[in-house]
Protein backbone atom coordinates (compact mmCIF):
# COMPACT_ATOMS: atom_id res chain seq x y z
CA MET A 1 -107.57 200.64 60.08
CA MET A 2 -108.58 202.34 56.92
CA THR A 3 -106.99 205.61 55.88
CA THR A 4 -108.09 207.82 53.12
CA SER A 5 -106.21 210.69 51.61
CA LYS A 6 -108.05 213.70 50.46
CA ALA A 7 -106.42 215.61 47.73
CA LYS A 8 -107.05 219.30 47.88
CA ALA A 9 -109.12 220.45 44.92
CA LYS A 10 -107.30 223.12 43.05
CA LEU A 11 -109.70 225.85 41.88
CA LEU A 12 -108.98 228.33 39.24
CA PRO A 13 -109.90 231.90 39.77
CA PHE A 14 -112.95 232.95 37.86
CA ASP A 15 -112.20 234.75 34.65
CA ALA A 16 -115.22 236.15 32.74
CA ALA A 17 -113.21 236.55 29.62
CA ARG A 18 -113.13 232.74 29.23
CA TYR A 19 -116.93 232.77 28.70
CA LEU A 20 -117.22 235.76 26.42
CA THR A 21 -117.07 233.70 23.34
CA ASP A 22 -119.76 235.31 21.20
CA GLU A 23 -121.53 238.66 20.69
CA ASP A 24 -124.69 237.55 22.52
CA ALA A 25 -122.73 236.60 25.68
CA ILE A 26 -120.86 239.87 25.46
CA ALA A 27 -124.20 241.85 25.14
CA GLU A 28 -125.75 240.10 28.04
CA TYR A 29 -122.64 240.62 30.23
CA MET A 30 -122.51 244.39 29.32
CA THR A 31 -126.31 244.78 29.93
CA ALA A 32 -126.02 243.18 33.37
CA VAL A 33 -123.03 245.38 34.29
CA LEU A 34 -124.70 248.56 33.06
CA GLU A 35 -127.75 247.81 35.26
CA THR A 36 -125.57 247.92 38.34
CA GLU A 37 -124.53 251.58 37.65
CA ASP A 38 -121.13 250.68 39.09
CA THR A 39 -118.35 252.54 37.15
CA ASP A 40 -115.57 250.23 38.45
CA LEU A 41 -117.50 247.15 37.43
CA LEU A 42 -117.99 248.71 33.86
CA LEU A 43 -114.25 249.15 33.51
CA LEU A 44 -113.73 245.57 34.67
CA ALA A 45 -116.25 244.32 32.19
CA LEU A 46 -114.62 246.28 29.27
CA SER A 47 -111.36 244.83 30.34
CA ASP A 48 -112.71 241.25 30.39
CA ILE A 49 -114.19 241.71 26.93
CA ALA A 50 -110.96 243.30 25.63
CA ARG A 51 -108.99 240.31 27.06
CA ALA A 52 -111.41 237.88 25.40
CA LYS A 53 -110.86 239.58 22.06
CA GLY A 54 -107.15 240.33 22.40
CA MET A 55 -105.96 243.44 24.16
CA ALA A 56 -103.39 244.35 21.39
CA GLN A 57 -106.05 244.17 18.69
CA VAL A 58 -108.60 246.18 20.72
CA ALA A 59 -106.01 248.80 21.56
CA LYS A 60 -105.19 249.10 17.80
CA ASP A 61 -108.89 249.33 16.82
CA ALA A 62 -109.49 251.97 19.54
CA GLY A 63 -106.48 254.06 18.43
CA LEU A 64 -104.79 253.59 21.74
CA GLY A 65 -101.47 252.07 22.80
CA ARG A 66 -101.77 248.70 24.54
CA GLU A 67 -100.38 250.21 27.86
CA SER A 68 -102.76 253.09 27.66
CA LEU A 69 -105.66 250.60 27.25
CA TYR A 70 -104.55 248.74 30.27
CA LYS A 71 -104.31 251.93 32.31
CA ALA A 72 -107.68 253.20 31.20
CA LEU A 73 -109.39 249.96 32.24
CA ALA A 74 -107.53 249.44 35.50
CA PRO A 75 -109.47 249.39 38.78
CA GLY A 76 -110.05 252.88 40.03
CA ALA A 77 -109.12 254.53 36.70
CA LYS A 78 -110.98 257.56 35.62
CA PRO A 79 -110.93 257.34 31.81
CA ARG A 80 -112.53 260.06 29.70
CA LEU A 81 -115.84 259.32 28.09
CA ASP A 82 -114.37 259.51 24.73
CA THR A 83 -111.88 256.86 25.65
CA ILE A 84 -114.66 254.62 26.91
CA LEU A 85 -116.61 255.13 23.74
CA LYS A 86 -113.55 254.33 21.54
CA VAL A 87 -112.97 251.14 23.48
CA ALA A 88 -116.59 250.09 23.34
CA ARG A 89 -116.67 250.69 19.57
CA ALA A 90 -113.47 248.62 19.17
CA LEU A 91 -115.17 245.86 21.15
CA GLY A 92 -118.29 245.88 18.95
CA VAL A 93 -120.35 247.24 21.92
CA ARG A 94 -122.89 250.06 21.66
CA PHE A 95 -124.46 251.77 24.67
CA SER A 96 -128.06 252.77 24.49
CA ALA A 97 -130.45 254.73 26.76
CA HIS A 98 -133.90 253.63 27.92
CA PRO A 99 -136.35 255.42 30.22
CA ALA A 100 -135.62 254.86 33.87
């Protein structure tokens, strides 16, 4: 009788921050997220990019405390527009408008 053992594959949770390695990848990611018009997804994307670049440095560049940055980008948060713009600027991201 032949027996085989199947080892369970251990999958890591997907983390977009691992793939945001250059400005082009970040720009494509943000463009795709903005097209969804989902504010929670926007916060998640900004958080992913901030983690990829280093939360402490992004918080410093945005003029925020690290904890304030985490809170502003948490799921369900309702940050002010000026906070979003400060974070985007610190991330090197610029929003633009196009005709719908």
